Amino acid sequence: MADKIKIYRKDLEGFYNVTPDEYYKSYQGGDPLISAGYQLTEQKQELSAASSASFLKEDGLAIAKETYGFFSNAMVQEYAKNWTRTGNATTSLVLTRQSAVWEKEFGYLKREDGSLIMSELDALSNEASYKNTLSEYDIKDFTLFKEKFKEMIKSEVSPLEFQQRIDLVANQVLDDIPAVRDLFAREYNIEATDSAIFGALINDDVQDGLLANQITTLQIEGEAASRGFATSFAKFENLRRQGFTREKARSLYQNAGSLINTASGIGRELTIETLEQASLGNKQATERINRINAELQSKQGIQLGSAKKGDEVTGLIAD
């Protein structure tokens, strides 16, 4: 954070702490605090009767509501309080941005050097756009996305970029929604809506912990089921814990049937469990596949076509 500096004005008592950025920053072609008469050195007081009197809070409230209509009531009150001390719109905003009220509502907008990522209005506009994007997928409850919105604003993720991200994720997970709905009903006895499921799939904060793992397990189960290898959720949960991923599942199960049939053609039993364990690097399973490969090569001049990557068997295909 940038060190605060003291600024003074000869027609006002005391001083105000501001960051160098706030003091020197150009605003519509001028330097507002300098233009308003503030200096870095203490001024000899020349208080007139009018300037030494408090400014009306009603005027500060009126200015805040007209200029910053998007402020919460607490922020409006804070601005008006600062107006009664300064009678200056720019200074009142600077002081408001130093308050605990502002820090609570907009503190995420401040960089480490004290400058702002964007104005409060721009931040609220971005948030409204994020919500509009989610609404397109029938997500109406944004409670669990609140911190996510702040993080995206801090990272300067534009509304367009967010829209593109969500559209991309949607294309990847929409096909999973029916299976996830079954998971909620089967494992949690919850009748979840499609929009709630989509929210869980796209938001790490929503699907944190157990739910994230359950969804990954379900996706593995889905890959197996699509090729006729469905057994139990518990089995696929165990595979996931050993490092089995959806990508491995897709590669293995789409070729497993043909691999098993090829091995059966020479009188050798090859089970889906052996293929699963081989893909995880199990030494015994890998050696069994190697023996079947050797026999196939000897008898028919073909092999299962397994490739090794480290200790794992990958790319299981029948040549």
Protein backbone atom coordinates (compact mmCIF):
# COMPACT_ATOMS: atom_id res chain seq x y z
CA MET A 1 0.00 0.00 0.00
CA ALA A 2 1.25 3.51 -0.78
CA ASP A 3 2.13 5.67 2.25
CA LYS A 4 -0.46 8.28 3.14
CA ILE A 5 0.40 11.96 2.90
CA LYS A 6 -1.10 14.90 4.76
CA ILE A 7 -2.79 17.65 2.76
CA TYR A 8 -3.84 21.05 4.06
CA ARG A 9 -6.03 23.96 3.00
CA LYS A 10 -5.80 27.33 4.68
CA ASP A 11 -9.54 27.87 4.88
CA LEU A 12 -10.08 24.52 6.67
CA GLU A 13 -8.83 23.32 10.02
CA GLY A 14 -6.66 20.24 10.33
CA PHE A 15 -5.48 17.97 7.54
CA TYR A 16 -6.57 14.89 5.55
CA ASN A 17 -4.66 11.69 4.83
CA VAL A 18 -4.67 10.68 1.17
CA THR A 19 -2.52 8.50 -1.07
CA PRO A 20 -0.17 10.21 -3.54
CA ASP A 21 -2.34 8.78 -6.32
CA GLU A 22 -5.43 10.44 -4.88
CA TYR A 23 -3.62 13.77 -4.52
CA TYR A 24 -2.03 13.93 -7.94
CA LYS A 25 -4.42 11.90 -10.08
CA SER A 26 -5.79 13.83 -13.04
CA TYR A 27 -9.58 14.05 -13.21
CA GLN A 28 -11.21 15.37 -16.37
CA GLY A 29 -8.12 17.28 -17.27
CA GLY A 30 -7.33 18.71 -13.83
CA ASP A 31 -5.91 17.74 -10.47
CA PRO A 32 -8.96 18.10 -8.23
CA LEU A 33 -7.32 18.34 -4.83
CA ILE A 34 -4.65 20.74 -6.05
CA SER A 35 -7.29 22.78 -7.87
CA ALA A 36 -9.36 22.85 -4.69
CA GLY A 37 -6.49 24.58 -2.87
CA TYR A 38 -4.93 21.64 -1.00
CA GLN A 39 -1.17 21.65 -0.48
CA LEU A 40 1.39 19.37 1.11
CA THR A 41 2.54 21.97 3.64
CA GLU A 42 0.53 23.28 6.58
CA GLN A 43 -1.21 26.55 5.77
CA LYS A 44 -1.74 29.56 7.94
CA GLN A 45 -5.41 29.47 8.84
CA GLU A 46 -7.59 32.12 7.20
CA LEU A 47 -11.03 30.95 8.19
CA SER A 48 -13.93 33.15 7.21
CA ALA A 49 -17.19 32.98 9.13
CA ALA A 50 -18.75 31.10 6.27
CA SER A 51 -15.90 28.65 5.72
CA SER A 52 -15.45 27.86 9.39
CA ALA A 53 -19.09 26.92 9.76
CA SER A 54 -20.26 23.37 9.17
CA PHE A 55 -21.75 22.63 5.78
CA LEU A 56 -25.30 21.37 5.73
CA LYS A 57 -25.66 17.60 5.82
CA GLU A 58 -28.83 17.91 3.74
CA ASP A 59 -26.74 19.35 0.90
CA GLY A 60 -24.28 16.48 1.16
CA LEU A 61 -27.11 13.94 1.10
CA ALA A 62 -28.63 15.60 -1.96
CA ILE A 63 -25.29 15.57 -3.82
CA ALA A 64 -24.61 11.95 -2.91
CA LYS A 65 -28.04 10.76 -4.02
CA GLU A 66 -27.87 12.69 -7.27
CA THR A 67 -24.27 11.90 -8.21
CA TYR A 68 -23.87 8.48 -6.63
CA GLY A 69 -27.36 7.04 -6.77
CA PHE A 70 -25.88 3.53 -6.80
CA PHE A 71 -24.36 4.01 -3.30
CA SER A 72 -25.94 2.14 -0.43
CA ASN A 73 -27.59 4.19 2.29
CA ALA A 74 -24.55 3.68 4.52
CA MET A 75 -22.28 5.06 1.77
CA VAL A 76 -24.58 8.04 1.19
CA GLN A 77 -24.49 8.84 4.91
CA GLU A 78 -20.70 8.59 4.95
CA TYR A 79 -20.38 10.93 1.98
CA ALA A 80 -22.76 13.44 3.59
CA LYS A 81 -20.76 13.34 6.82
CA ASN A 82 -17.59 14.17 4.91
CA TRP A 83 -19.42 16.93 3.07
CA THR A 84 -20.28 18.63 6.36
CA ARG A 85 -16.56 18.75 7.13
CA THR A 86 -15.26 19.91 3.73
CA GLY A 87 -18.03 21.33 1.58
CA ASN A 88 -16.12 19.94 -1.40
CA ALA A 89 -17.49 17.14 -3.58
CA THR A 90 -14.12 15.75 -4.66
CA THR A 91 -12.65 15.75 -1.18
CA SER A 92 -15.80 14.17 0.23
CA LEU A 93 -15.43 11.28 -2.23
CA VAL A 94 -11.75 10.86 -1.39
CA LEU A 95 -12.55 10.69 2.32
CA THR A 96 -15.46 8.34 1.71
CA ARG A 97 -13.10 5.96 -0.07
CA GLN A 98 -10.94 5.92 3.06
CA SER A 99 -13.82 4.92 5.32
CA ALA A 100 -14.62 1.55 6.87
CA VAL A 101 -18.00 1.63 5.12
CA TRP A 102 -16.38 1.91 1.70
CA GLU A 103 -13.78 -0.74 2.59
CA LYS A 104 -16.54 -3.18 3.49
CA GLU A 105 -18.48 -2.64 0.27
CA PHE A 106 -15.79 -1.80 -2.28
CA GLY A 107 -12.46 -2.65 -0.69
CA TYR A 108 -11.83 -5.28 -3.36
CA LEU A 109 -11.44 -2.44 -5.89
CA LYS A 110 -8.26 -1.11 -4.29
CA ARG A 111 -4.89 -2.24 -5.57
CA GLU A 112 -1.88 -2.67 -3.29
CA ASP A 113 -0.60 0.78 -4.27
CA GLY A 114 -3.90 2.38 -3.23
CA SER A 115 -5.18 3.07 -6.74
CA LEU A 116 -8.55 1.77 -7.91
CA ILE A 117 -9.00 -1.07 -10.40
CA MET A 118 -12.14 0.68 -11.61
CA SER A 119 -14.82 2.97 -10.26
CA GLU A 120 -17.62 1.73 -8.05
CA LEU A 121 -20.12 2.28 -10.85
CA ASP A 122 -18.05 0.26 -13.34
CA ALA A 123 -17.73 -2.57 -10.82
CA LEU A 124 -21.48 -2.70 -10.24
CA SER A 125 -22.04 -2.57 -14.00
CA ASN A 126 -19.71 -5.53 -14.53
CA GLU A 127 -21.47 -7.48 -11.80
CA ALA A 128 -24.84 -6.81 -13.41
CA SER A 129 -23.46 -8.14 -16.71
CA TYR A 130 -22.13 -11.28 -15.01
CA LYS A 131 -25.57 -11.89 -13.53
CA ASN A 132 -27.21 -11.35 -16.91
CA THR A 133 -24.94 -14.03 -18.43
CA LEU A 134 -25.91 -16.52 -15.72
CA SER A 135 -29.57 -15.62 -16.16
CA GLU A 136 -29.33 -16.86 -19.74
CA TYR A 137 -28.84 -20.31 -18.23
CA ASP A 138 -31.78 -19.82 -15.86
CA ILE A 139 -29.59 -19.15 -12.81
CA LYS A 140 -31.46 -16.61 -10.69
CA ASP A 141 -29.88 -17.03 -7.25
CA PHE A 142 -26.47 -15.32 -7.28
CA THR A 143 -25.72 -15.67 -3.56
CA LEU A 144 -23.01 -18.29 -4.03
CA PHE A 145 -21.42 -16.31 -6.86
CA LYS A 146 -20.92 -13.09 -4.86
CA GLU A 147 -17.27 -13.68 -3.98
CA LYS A 148 -16.61 -15.09 -7.44
CA PHE A 149 -17.84 -11.80 -8.97
CA LYS A 150 -15.46 -9.81 -6.76
CA GLU A 151 -12.52 -12.01 -7.71
CA MET A 152 -13.29 -11.56 -11.41
CA ILE A 153 -13.48 -7.78 -11.01
CA LYS A 154 -10.15 -7.82 -9.15
CA SER A 155 -8.71 -9.85 -12.02
CA GLU A 156 -10.30 -7.45 -14.52
CA VAL A 157 -12.33 -10.13 -16.27
CA SER A 158 -14.56 -8.29 -18.70
CA PRO A 159 -18.26 -9.18 -19.09
CA LEU A 160 -17.52 -10.41 -22.63
CA GLU A 161 -14.74 -12.70 -21.40
CA PHE A 162 -17.03 -14.07 -18.68
CA GLN A 163 -19.74 -14.73 -21.28
CA GLN A 164 -17.25 -16.63 -23.43
CA ARG A 165 -16.03 -18.67 -20.46
CA ILE A 166 -19.55 -19.67 -19.41
CA ASP A 167 -20.57 -20.57 -22.97
CA LEU A 168 -17.48 -22.76 -23.30
CA VAL A 169 -18.12 -24.54 -20.00
CA ALA A 170 -21.79 -24.97 -20.89
CA ASN A 171 -20.87 -26.82 -24.06
CA GLN A 172 -18.71 -29.19 -21.99
CA VAL A 173 -21.11 -29.95 -19.12
CA LEU A 174 -24.67 -29.68 -20.40
CA ASP A 175 -24.64 -33.33 -21.46
CA ASP A 176 -23.71 -34.27 -17.88
CA ILE A 177 -26.72 -32.62 -16.29
CA PRO A 178 -29.16 -35.59 -16.50
CA ALA A 179 -26.59 -37.89 -14.89
CA VAL A 180 -25.77 -35.34 -12.19
CA ARG A 181 -29.49 -34.97 -11.49
CA ASP A 182 -29.59 -38.73 -10.90
CA LEU A 183 -26.58 -38.41 -8.59
CA PHE A 184 -28.30 -35.77 -6.46
CA ALA A 185 -31.39 -37.94 -6.20
CA ARG A 186 -29.47 -41.18 -5.53
CA GLU A 187 -26.75 -39.96 -3.18
CA TYR A 188 -28.40 -36.97 -1.49
CA ASN A 189 -32.11 -37.58 -1.96
CA ILE A 190 -32.37 -34.09 -3.48
CA GLU A 191 -34.47 -33.18 -6.49
CA ALA A 192 -32.15 -30.60 -8.02
CA THR A 193 -33.11 -28.31 -10.88
CA ASP A 194 -31.06 -28.15 -14.07
CA SER A 195 -30.07 -24.54 -13.30
CA ALA A 196 -28.86 -25.48 -9.80
CA ILE A 197 -26.81 -28.34 -11.24
CA PHE A 198 -25.31 -26.10 -13.92
CA GLY A 199 -24.40 -23.59 -11.20
CA ALA A 200 -22.62 -26.35 -9.29
CA LEU A 201 -20.74 -27.50 -12.37
CA ILE A 202 -19.42 -24.03 -13.27
CA ASN A 203 -18.67 -22.66 -9.81
CA ASP A 204 -15.80 -24.12 -7.78
CA ASP A 205 -17.20 -22.47 -4.65
CA VAL A 206 -20.51 -24.29 -5.12
CA GLN A 207 -19.06 -27.69 -5.88
CA ASP A 208 -16.22 -27.45 -3.37
CA GLY A 209 -15.09 -30.50 -1.42
CA LEU A 210 -17.10 -33.71 -1.53
CA LEU A 211 -19.54 -32.54 -4.20
CA ALA A 212 -16.71 -31.77 -6.62
CA ASN A 213 -15.32 -35.27 -6.13
CA GLN A 214 -18.75 -36.84 -6.46
CA ILE A 215 -19.33 -35.11 -9.78
CA THR A 216 -15.94 -36.27 -11.08
CA THR A 217 -16.78 -39.82 -10.01
CA LEU A 218 -20.13 -39.55 -11.73
CA GLN A 219 -18.48 -38.41 -14.96
CA ILE A 220 -16.18 -41.45 -14.84
CA GLU A 221 -19.19 -43.67 -14.22
CA GLY A 222 -20.94 -42.05 -17.17
CA GLU A 223 -18.05 -42.83 -19.51
CA ALA A 224 -18.17 -46.48 -18.43
CA ALA A 225 -21.95 -46.73 -18.65
CA SER A 226 -21.98 -45.33 -22.18
CA ARG A 227 -19.90 -48.36 -23.25
CA GLY A 228 -21.82 -50.92 -21.20
CA PHE A 229 -19.41 -51.17 -18.26
CA ALA A 230 -21.54 -49.72 -15.46
CA THR A 231 -21.18 -51.41 -12.07
CA SER A 232 -21.46 -49.38 -8.86
CA PHE A 233 -20.81 -45.80 -7.85
CA ALA A 234 -18.58 -47.06 -5.03
CA LYS A 235 -16.30 -48.80 -7.52
CA PHE A 236 -15.80 -45.66 -9.60
CA GLU A 237 -15.28 -43.60 -6.45
CA ASN A 238 -12.45 -45.96 -5.53
CA LEU A 239 -10.93 -45.63 -9.00
CA ARG A 240 -11.10 -41.84 -8.78
CA ARG A 241 -9.26 -41.90 -5.47
CA GLN A 242 -6.49 -43.90 -7.13
CA GLY A 243 -6.07 -41.22 -9.79
CA PHE A 244 -8.50 -42.36 -12.46
CA THR A 245 -9.72 -39.33 -14.40
CA ARG A 246 -12.52 -38.74 -16.84
CA GLU A 247 -10.01 -38.49 -19.66
CA LYS A 248 -8.52 -41.88 -18.80
CA ALA A 249 -12.02 -43.32 -18.52
CA ARG A 250 -13.03 -42.04 -21.95
CA SER A 251 -9.88 -43.46 -23.59
CA LEU A 252 -10.15 -46.82 -21.87
CA TYR A 253 -13.85 -47.60 -22.06
CA GLN A 254 -14.29 -46.69 -25.70
CA ASN A 255 -11.78 -49.42 -26.65
CA ALA A 256 -12.24 -51.90 -23.81
CA GLY A 257 -14.89 -54.03 -25.54
CA SER A 258 -12.75 -54.69 -28.57
CA LEU A 259 -9.66 -55.42 -26.41
CA ILE A 260 -11.57 -57.98 -24.34
CA ASN A 261 -13.00 -59.67 -27.45
CA THR A 262 -9.56 -59.84 -29.08
CA ALA A 263 -8.09 -61.53 -26.02
CA SER A 264 -11.05 -63.91 -25.83
CA GLY A 265 -10.35 -64.96 -29.43
CA ILE A 266 -7.17 -66.74 -28.29
CA GLY A 267 -8.80 -68.19 -25.18
CA ARG A 268 -7.43 -65.63 -22.74
CA GLU A 269 -9.64 -63.84 -20.22
CA LEU A 270 -9.13 -60.09 -20.04
CA THR A 271 -11.40 -58.23 -17.64
CA ILE A 272 -12.34 -54.57 -17.46
CA GLU A 273 -10.83 -54.51 -13.97
CA THR A 274 -7.44 -55.54 -15.37
CA LEU A 275 -7.60 -52.78 -17.96
CA GLU A 276 -8.61 -50.21 -15.32
CA GLN A 277 -5.75 -51.18 -13.02
CA ALA A 278 -3.26 -51.23 -15.89
CA SER A 279 -4.27 -47.69 -16.79
CA LEU A 280 -3.44 -46.71 -13.20
CA GLY A 281 0.01 -48.29 -13.39
CA ASN A 282 -0.69 -51.51 -11.51
CA LYS A 283 2.33 -53.75 -12.17
CA GLN A 284 0.47 -57.08 -12.04
CA ALA A 285 -2.26 -55.88 -14.42
CA THR A 286 0.32 -54.44 -16.80
CA GLU A 287 2.28 -57.70 -16.87
CA ARG A 288 -0.90 -59.65 -17.66
CA ILE A 289 -1.64 -57.40 -20.63
CA ASN A 290 1.96 -57.81 -21.79
CA ARG A 291 1.62 -61.61 -21.68
CA ILE A 292 -1.63 -61.48 -23.69
CA ASN A 293 0.07 -59.16 -26.16
CA ALA A 294 2.95 -61.59 -26.58
CA GLU A 295 0.58 -64.51 -27.20
CA LEU A 296 -1.47 -62.51 -29.70
CA GLN A 297 1.68 -61.54 -31.54
CA SER A 298 2.81 -65.14 -31.62
CA LYS A 299 -0.50 -66.68 -32.74
CA GLN A 300 -2.12 -64.02 -34.91
CA GLY A 301 0.51 -61.37 -35.54
CA ILE A 302 -1.52 -58.71 -33.75
CA GLN A 303 -1.28 -56.99 -30.41
CA LEU A 304 -3.52 -54.96 -28.15
CA GLY A 305 -1.49 -51.89 -28.99
CA SER A 306 -0.99 -50.64 -25.45
CA ALA A 307 1.50 -47.84 -25.02
CA LYS A 308 3.37 -47.07 -21.82
CA LYS A 309 3.76 -43.70 -20.19
CA GLY A 310 5.84 -44.10 -17.04
CA ASP A 311 4.28 -46.96 -15.09
CA GLU A 312 0.86 -46.55 -16.68
CA VAL A 313 -0.60 -48.26 -19.73
CA THR A 314 -2.18 -45.69 -22.04
CA GLY A 315 -3.66 -45.62 -25.50
CA LEU A 316 -5.24 -49.08 -25.24
CA ILE A 317 -6.33 -49.93 -28.75
CA ALA A 318 -6.61 -53.09 -30.79
CA ASP A 319 -4.27 -53.02 -33.79
